[in-house]
N, C-alpha and C. Protein backbone atom coordinates (compact mmCIF):
# COMPACT_ATOMS: atom_id res chain seq x y z
N UNK A 1 63.30 64.71 98.63
CA UNK A 1 64.20 64.11 99.61
C UNK A 1 64.47 62.67 99.20
N UNK A 2 65.73 62.31 99.15
CA UNK A 2 66.09 60.94 98.84
C UNK A 2 65.88 60.07 100.06
N UNK A 3 65.55 58.83 99.83
CA UNK A 3 65.40 57.87 100.92
C UNK A 3 66.21 56.63 100.61
N UNK A 4 66.41 55.83 101.63
CA UNK A 4 67.13 54.56 101.47
C UNK A 4 66.46 53.53 102.36
N UNK A 5 66.57 52.30 101.95
CA UNK A 5 66.04 51.20 102.74
C UNK A 5 67.19 50.60 103.54
N UNK A 6 66.97 50.43 104.83
CA UNK A 6 67.98 49.80 105.68
C UNK A 6 67.34 48.62 106.39
N UNK A 7 68.16 47.63 106.71
CA UNK A 7 67.65 46.46 107.41
C UNK A 7 67.88 46.66 108.91
N UNK A 8 66.82 46.48 109.66
CA UNK A 8 66.91 46.52 111.12
C UNK A 8 66.11 45.35 111.67
N UNK A 9 66.41 45.00 112.88
CA UNK A 9 65.68 43.90 113.53
C UNK A 9 64.24 44.34 113.82
N UNK A 10 63.33 43.39 113.82
CA UNK A 10 61.93 43.73 114.13
C UNK A 10 61.78 44.42 115.48
N UNK A 11 62.54 44.01 116.47
CA UNK A 11 62.45 44.64 117.80
C UNK A 11 62.86 46.11 117.73
N UNK A 12 63.87 46.40 116.93
CA UNK A 12 64.31 47.80 116.78
C UNK A 12 63.23 48.61 116.06
N UNK A 13 62.63 48.03 115.06
CA UNK A 13 61.54 48.70 114.33
C UNK A 13 60.38 48.98 115.28
N UNK A 14 60.10 48.03 116.16
CA UNK A 14 59.01 48.22 117.12
C UNK A 14 59.35 49.36 118.09
N UNK A 15 60.59 49.39 118.56
CA UNK A 15 60.99 50.47 119.46
C UNK A 15 60.89 51.83 118.78
N UNK A 16 61.31 51.88 117.51
CA UNK A 16 61.19 53.14 116.77
C UNK A 16 59.72 53.57 116.66
N UNK A 17 58.86 52.63 116.36
CA UNK A 17 57.43 52.93 116.25
C UNK A 17 56.85 53.40 117.58
N UNK A 18 57.28 52.76 118.67
CA UNK A 18 56.81 53.18 120.00
C UNK A 18 57.27 54.59 120.33
N UNK A 19 58.54 54.87 120.04
CA UNK A 19 59.06 56.21 120.30
C UNK A 19 58.35 57.25 119.44
N UNK A 20 58.09 56.91 118.21
CA UNK A 20 57.37 57.83 117.33
C UNK A 20 55.98 58.12 117.88
N UNK A 21 55.31 57.09 118.34
CA UNK A 21 53.97 57.28 118.90
C UNK A 21 54.02 58.11 120.19
N UNK A 22 54.98 57.81 121.04
CA UNK A 22 55.11 58.54 122.32
C UNK A 22 55.41 60.01 122.11
N UNK A 23 56.17 60.31 121.06
CA UNK A 23 56.59 61.70 120.83
C UNK A 23 55.76 62.38 119.75
N UNK A 24 54.73 61.70 119.29
CA UNK A 24 53.87 62.21 118.22
C UNK A 24 54.72 62.64 117.03
N UNK A 25 55.60 61.76 116.63
CA UNK A 25 56.51 62.01 115.53
C UNK A 25 56.38 60.88 114.52
N UNK A 26 57.36 60.78 113.66
CA UNK A 26 57.38 59.70 112.67
C UNK A 26 58.63 58.85 112.91
N UNK A 27 58.59 57.64 112.40
CA UNK A 27 59.75 56.76 112.53
C UNK A 27 60.99 57.39 111.88
N UNK A 28 60.90 57.93 110.67
CA UNK A 28 62.10 58.55 110.09
C UNK A 28 62.66 59.70 110.95
N UNK A 29 61.78 60.51 111.53
CA UNK A 29 62.25 61.61 112.37
C UNK A 29 62.91 61.09 113.66
N UNK A 30 62.33 60.06 114.24
CA UNK A 30 62.92 59.47 115.45
C UNK A 30 64.28 58.87 115.11
N UNK A 31 64.37 58.18 114.00
CA UNK A 31 65.63 57.59 113.58
C UNK A 31 66.68 58.67 113.32
N UNK A 32 66.28 59.74 112.67
CA UNK A 32 67.18 60.87 112.42
C UNK A 32 67.70 61.44 113.73
N UNK A 33 66.80 61.66 114.68
CA UNK A 33 67.20 62.21 115.98
C UNK A 33 68.13 61.26 116.72
N UNK A 34 67.87 59.97 116.62
CA UNK A 34 68.71 58.98 117.30
C UNK A 34 70.11 58.96 116.70
N UNK A 35 70.19 59.02 115.39
CA UNK A 35 71.50 59.03 114.73
C UNK A 35 72.27 60.29 115.10
N UNK A 36 71.60 61.43 115.13
CA UNK A 36 72.26 62.68 115.50
C UNK A 36 72.74 62.64 116.94
N UNK A 37 71.94 62.11 117.84
CA UNK A 37 72.35 62.00 119.25
C UNK A 37 73.56 61.07 119.37
N UNK A 38 73.56 60.00 118.63
CA UNK A 38 74.69 59.06 118.67
C UNK A 38 75.94 59.70 118.07
N UNK A 39 75.79 60.46 117.00
CA UNK A 39 76.92 61.16 116.38
C UNK A 39 77.56 62.11 117.39
N UNK A 40 76.73 62.84 118.11
CA UNK A 40 77.24 63.78 119.12
C UNK A 40 77.93 63.04 120.26
N UNK A 41 77.36 61.92 120.67
CA UNK A 41 77.96 61.11 121.74
C UNK A 41 79.34 60.62 121.33
N UNK A 42 79.45 60.10 120.12
CA UNK A 42 80.74 59.60 119.61
C UNK A 42 81.74 60.74 119.54
N UNK A 43 81.32 61.89 119.06
CA UNK A 43 82.20 63.06 118.97
C UNK A 43 82.75 63.42 120.35
N UNK A 44 81.87 63.49 121.35
CA UNK A 44 82.31 63.85 122.70
C UNK A 44 83.22 62.79 123.31
N UNK A 45 82.94 61.52 123.06
CA UNK A 45 83.81 60.45 123.56
C UNK A 45 85.19 60.54 122.93
N UNK A 46 85.25 60.82 121.63
CA UNK A 46 86.54 60.97 120.97
C UNK A 46 87.29 62.20 121.49
N UNK A 47 86.56 63.27 121.72
CA UNK A 47 87.17 64.48 122.26
C UNK A 47 87.72 64.22 123.66
N UNK A 48 86.96 63.53 124.49
CA UNK A 48 87.42 63.21 125.84
C UNK A 48 88.67 62.33 125.82
N UNK A 49 88.70 61.35 124.92
CA UNK A 49 89.90 60.50 124.81
C UNK A 49 91.11 61.32 124.38
N UNK A 50 90.93 62.20 123.41
CA UNK A 50 92.04 63.03 122.93
C UNK A 50 92.52 63.97 124.03
N UNK A 51 91.59 64.54 124.79
CA UNK A 51 91.95 65.43 125.88
C UNK A 51 92.70 64.67 126.98
N UNK A 52 92.26 63.45 127.28
CA UNK A 52 92.95 62.63 128.29
C UNK A 52 94.35 62.28 127.81
N UNK A 53 94.48 61.99 126.52
CA UNK A 53 95.80 61.66 125.96
C UNK A 53 96.71 62.90 126.03
N UNK A 54 96.17 64.06 125.73
CA UNK A 54 96.93 65.29 125.84
C UNK A 54 97.41 65.50 127.27
N UNK A 55 96.52 65.24 128.22
CA UNK A 55 96.84 65.43 129.64
C UNK A 55 97.96 64.50 130.10
N UNK A 56 98.12 63.36 129.43
CA UNK A 56 99.17 62.41 129.81
C UNK A 56 100.56 62.82 129.34
N UNK A 57 100.64 63.78 128.43
CA UNK A 57 101.93 64.27 127.91
C UNK A 57 102.23 65.61 128.59
N UNK A 58 103.13 65.62 129.58
CA UNK A 58 103.39 66.85 130.35
C UNK A 58 103.78 68.05 129.48
N UNK A 59 104.62 67.83 128.47
CA UNK A 59 105.04 68.95 127.61
C UNK A 59 103.86 69.49 126.81
N UNK A 60 103.12 68.60 126.19
CA UNK A 60 101.96 69.02 125.39
C UNK A 60 100.90 69.67 126.28
N UNK A 61 100.69 69.11 127.47
CA UNK A 61 99.70 69.68 128.39
C UNK A 61 100.11 71.09 128.81
N UNK A 62 101.39 71.31 129.09
CA UNK A 62 101.88 72.63 129.46
C UNK A 62 101.69 73.62 128.32
N UNK A 63 101.98 73.19 127.10
CA UNK A 63 101.78 74.06 125.94
C UNK A 63 100.30 74.42 125.78
N UNK A 64 99.45 73.44 126.00
CA UNK A 64 98.00 73.67 125.92
C UNK A 64 97.58 74.70 126.97
N UNK A 65 98.04 74.52 128.19
CA UNK A 65 97.66 75.44 129.28
C UNK A 65 98.17 76.86 128.99
N UNK A 66 99.37 76.96 128.44
CA UNK A 66 99.91 78.28 128.10
C UNK A 66 99.06 78.95 127.02
N UNK A 67 98.64 78.17 126.04
CA UNK A 67 97.80 78.73 124.99
C UNK A 67 96.46 79.18 125.55
N UNK A 68 95.90 78.40 126.45
CA UNK A 68 94.63 78.79 127.09
C UNK A 68 94.80 80.12 127.81
N UNK A 69 95.90 80.28 128.53
CA UNK A 69 96.15 81.54 129.25
C UNK A 69 96.25 82.71 128.29
N UNK A 70 96.88 82.49 127.14
CA UNK A 70 97.01 83.57 126.16
C UNK A 70 95.65 84.00 125.62
N UNK A 71 94.74 83.05 125.49
CA UNK A 71 93.41 83.36 124.95
C UNK A 71 92.43 83.82 126.01
N UNK A 72 92.76 83.62 127.27
CA UNK A 72 91.85 84.00 128.37
C UNK A 72 91.76 85.53 128.42
N UNK A 73 90.54 86.02 128.25
CA UNK A 73 90.35 87.48 128.25
C UNK A 73 89.49 87.95 129.40
N UNK A 74 89.03 87.04 130.23
CA UNK A 74 88.13 87.45 131.31
C UNK A 74 88.83 87.40 132.67
N UNK A 75 90.14 87.23 132.69
CA UNK A 75 90.86 87.04 133.93
C UNK A 75 90.72 88.17 134.93
N UNK A 76 90.62 89.40 134.45
CA UNK A 76 90.58 90.53 135.38
C UNK A 76 89.25 91.25 135.43
N UNK A 77 88.22 90.68 134.83
CA UNK A 77 86.95 91.40 134.81
C UNK A 77 85.91 90.80 135.76
N UNK A 78 86.32 89.82 136.56
CA UNK A 78 85.42 89.29 137.57
C UNK A 78 84.41 88.28 137.06
N UNK A 79 84.48 87.90 135.81
CA UNK A 79 83.53 86.92 135.28
C UNK A 79 83.98 85.52 135.56
């Protein structure tokens, strides 16, 4: 596994060490999990912004809703 050295503030390093101790993990694993959680957060925020922008365009929103209806397959099965 390749590694890299990154510069972080001492307080951040301390927080990582505390989280690692609390979760019986390692600093690299905690950092990996934190980056993944942040990546997912950014993805969802970007998705929400794009969806809100779509909703602001009546024509595009109508096209989106029509496409959703075409793909909806559970409409008559009670689910």
